Amino acid sequence: MAHRTGAWTHCRQHDHETPARAATIPWFWTQQFGRKLEYASYQEPFDRVTIEEDLNGFSFLATQRQGVRQVGVVAVGLARTDG
């Protein structure tokens, strides 16, 4: 269930419909250095990482891409926005 929650939350935060494959994306979370770290991916190769938010403040979203395809996401220290 936890791996499904991460994929669903990511799609909701970015106004995407949840595709059928997203319902089974492996999701991992841990608490490190006082920050929550979440990782969702099939661990596919990627050639580019896009950072959003505040990398210096250790609160960011890192999107992994292979070409134009998004293949993974790492969220660190981000607050929930769905209440």
C-alpha atoms as a PDB file:
ATOM      1  CA  MET A   1       0.000   0.000   0.000  1.00  0.00           C
ATOM      2  CA  ALA A   2       2.785   2.478   0.837  1.00  0.00           C
ATOM      3  CA  HIS A   3       4.313   2.271  -2.653  1.00  0.00           C
ATOM      4  CA  ARG A   4       0.915   3.157  -4.151  1.00  0.00           C
ATOM      5  CA  THR A   5       0.405   6.127  -1.835  1.00  0.00           C
ATOM      6  CA  GLY A   6       3.662   7.759  -2.965  1.00  0.00           C
ATOM      7  CA  ALA A   7       2.808   7.522  -6.661  1.00  0.00           C
ATOM      8  CA  TRP A   8      -0.723   8.779  -6.084  1.00  0.00           C
ATOM      9  CA  THR A   9       0.494  11.736  -3.983  1.00  0.00           C
ATOM     10  CA  HIS A  10       3.046  12.743  -6.641  1.00  0.00           C
ATOM     11  CA  CYS A  11       0.374  12.746  -9.355  1.00  0.00           C
ATOM     12  CA  ARG A  12      -1.999  14.782  -7.187  1.00  0.00           C
ATOM     13  CA  GLN A  13       0.679  17.377  -6.365  1.00  0.00           C
ATOM     14  CA  HIS A  14       1.423  17.878 -10.062  1.00  0.00           C
ATOM     15  CA  ASP A  15      -2.179  17.780 -11.366  1.00  0.00           C
ATOM     16  CA  HIS A  16      -1.676  14.538 -13.315  1.00  0.00           C
ATOM     17  CA  GLU A  17      -4.126  11.685 -13.640  1.00  0.00           C
ATOM     18  CA  THR A  18      -2.811   8.580 -11.929  1.00  0.00           C
ATOM     19  CA  PRO A  19      -1.934   6.101 -14.693  1.00  0.00           C
ATOM     20  CA  ALA A  20      -2.482   2.385 -14.077  1.00  0.00           C
ATOM     21  CA  ARG A  21       1.288   1.733 -13.925  1.00  0.00           C
ATOM     22  CA  ALA A  22       1.693   4.453 -11.258  1.00  0.00           C
ATOM     23  CA  ALA A  23      -0.459   2.391  -8.905  1.00  0.00           C
ATOM     24  CA  THR A  24       2.424  -0.102  -8.637  1.00  0.00           C
ATOM     25  CA  ILE A  25       5.502   2.167  -8.529  1.00  0.00           C
ATOM     26  CA  PRO A  26       7.892   1.104  -5.749  1.00  0.00           C
ATOM     27  CA  TRP A  27       8.018   3.801  -3.050  1.00  0.00           C
ATOM     28  CA  PHE A  28      10.492   4.110  -0.177  1.00  0.00           C
ATOM     29  CA  TRP A  29      10.686   6.661   2.606  1.00  0.00           C
ATOM     30  CA  THR A  30      12.986   7.270   5.531  1.00  0.00           C
ATOM     31  CA  GLN A  31      13.792   9.958   8.064  1.00  0.00           C
ATOM     32  CA  GLN A  32      17.396  11.238   7.771  1.00  0.00           C
ATOM     33  CA  PHE A  33      19.007  14.217   9.538  1.00  0.00           C
ATOM     34  CA  GLY A  34      15.596  15.452  10.689  1.00  0.00           C
ATOM     35  CA  ARG A  35      14.121  15.419   7.142  1.00  0.00           C
ATOM     36  CA  LYS A  36      11.757  13.020   5.443  1.00  0.00           C
ATOM     37  CA  LEU A  37      13.190  11.527   2.250  1.00  0.00           C
ATOM     38  CA  GLU A  38      10.853   9.816  -0.255  1.00  0.00           C
ATOM     39  CA  TYR A  39      11.899   7.934  -3.398  1.00  0.00           C
ATOM     40  CA  ALA A  40       9.573   6.524  -6.063  1.00  0.00           C
ATOM     41  CA  SER A  41      11.005   4.693  -9.068  1.00  0.00           C
ATOM     42  CA  TYR A  42      11.491   1.367 -10.799  1.00  0.00           C
ATOM     43  CA  GLN A  43      15.220   2.200 -10.540  1.00  0.00           C
ATOM     44  CA  GLU A  44      15.552   2.686 -14.296  1.00  0.00           C
ATOM     45  CA  PRO A  45      18.598   4.437 -15.775  1.00  0.00           C
ATOM     46  CA  PHE A  46      18.322   8.217 -16.064  1.00  0.00           C
ATOM     47  CA  ASP A  47      20.362  10.829 -17.898  1.00  0.00           C
ATOM     48  CA  ARG A  48      19.084  14.050 -16.330  1.00  0.00           C
ATOM     49  CA  VAL A  49      17.869  15.347 -12.952  1.00  0.00           C
ATOM     50  CA  THR A  50      15.697  18.439 -12.550  1.00  0.00           C
ATOM     51  CA  ILE A  51      15.660  20.125  -9.116  1.00  0.00           C
ATOM     52  CA  GLU A  52      12.671  22.148  -7.877  1.00  0.00           C
ATOM     53  CA  GLU A  53      12.371  24.082  -4.610  1.00  0.00           C
ATOM     54  CA  ASP A  54      15.304  24.876  -2.288  1.00  0.00           C
ATOM     55  CA  LEU A  55      18.318  22.578  -2.653  1.00  0.00           C
ATOM     56  CA  ASN A  56      20.419  24.681  -0.241  1.00  0.00           C
ATOM     57  CA  GLY A  57      17.656  24.527   2.376  1.00  0.00           C
ATOM     58  CA  PHE A  58      17.496  20.724   1.964  1.00  0.00           C
ATOM     59  CA  SER A  59      13.849  20.902   0.899  1.00  0.00           C
ATOM     60  CA  PHE A  60      13.445  19.885  -2.734  1.00  0.00           C
ATOM     61  CA  LEU A  61      11.939  17.664  -5.411  1.00  0.00           C
ATOM     62  CA  ALA A  62      14.383  15.955  -7.774  1.00  0.00           C
ATOM     63  CA  THR A  63      12.863  14.476 -10.940  1.00  0.00           C
ATOM     64  CA  GLN A  64      14.885  11.823 -12.775  1.00  0.00           C
ATOM     65  CA  ARG A  65      14.424  11.624 -16.564  1.00  0.00           C
ATOM     66  CA  GLN A  66      15.606   9.359 -19.350  1.00  0.00           C
ATOM     67  CA  GLY A  67      15.181  11.463 -22.474  1.00  0.00           C
ATOM     68  CA  VAL A  68      11.731  12.995 -22.121  1.00  0.00           C
ATOM     69  CA  ARG A  69      10.376  10.205 -19.878  1.00  0.00           C
ATOM     70  CA  GLN A  70      10.150  10.749 -16.130  1.00  0.00           C
ATOM     71  CA  VAL A  71      11.562   7.592 -14.510  1.00  0.00           C
ATOM     72  CA  GLY A  72      11.871   8.571 -10.852  1.00  0.00           C
ATOM     73  CA  VAL A  73      11.329  11.200  -8.215  1.00  0.00           C
ATOM     74  CA  VAL A  74      13.047  12.048  -4.929  1.00  0.00           C
ATOM     75  CA  ALA A  75      11.368  14.386  -2.442  1.00  0.00           C
ATOM     76  CA  VAL A  76      13.222  15.700   0.606  1.00  0.00           C
ATOM     77  CA  GLY A  77      11.788  17.817   3.430  1.00  0.00           C
ATOM     78  CA  LEU A  78       8.616  18.816   1.577  1.00  0.00           C
ATOM     79  CA  ALA A  79       5.433  19.496   3.530  1.00  0.00           C
ATOM     80  CA  ARG A  80       2.178  17.852   2.512  1.00  0.00           C
ATOM     81  CA  THR A  81      -0.135  20.069   0.500  1.00  0.00           C
ATOM     82  CA  ASP A  82      -3.315  17.963   0.513  1.00  0.00           C
ATOM     83  CA  GLY A  83      -4.394  18.789   4.067  1.00  0.00           C
END
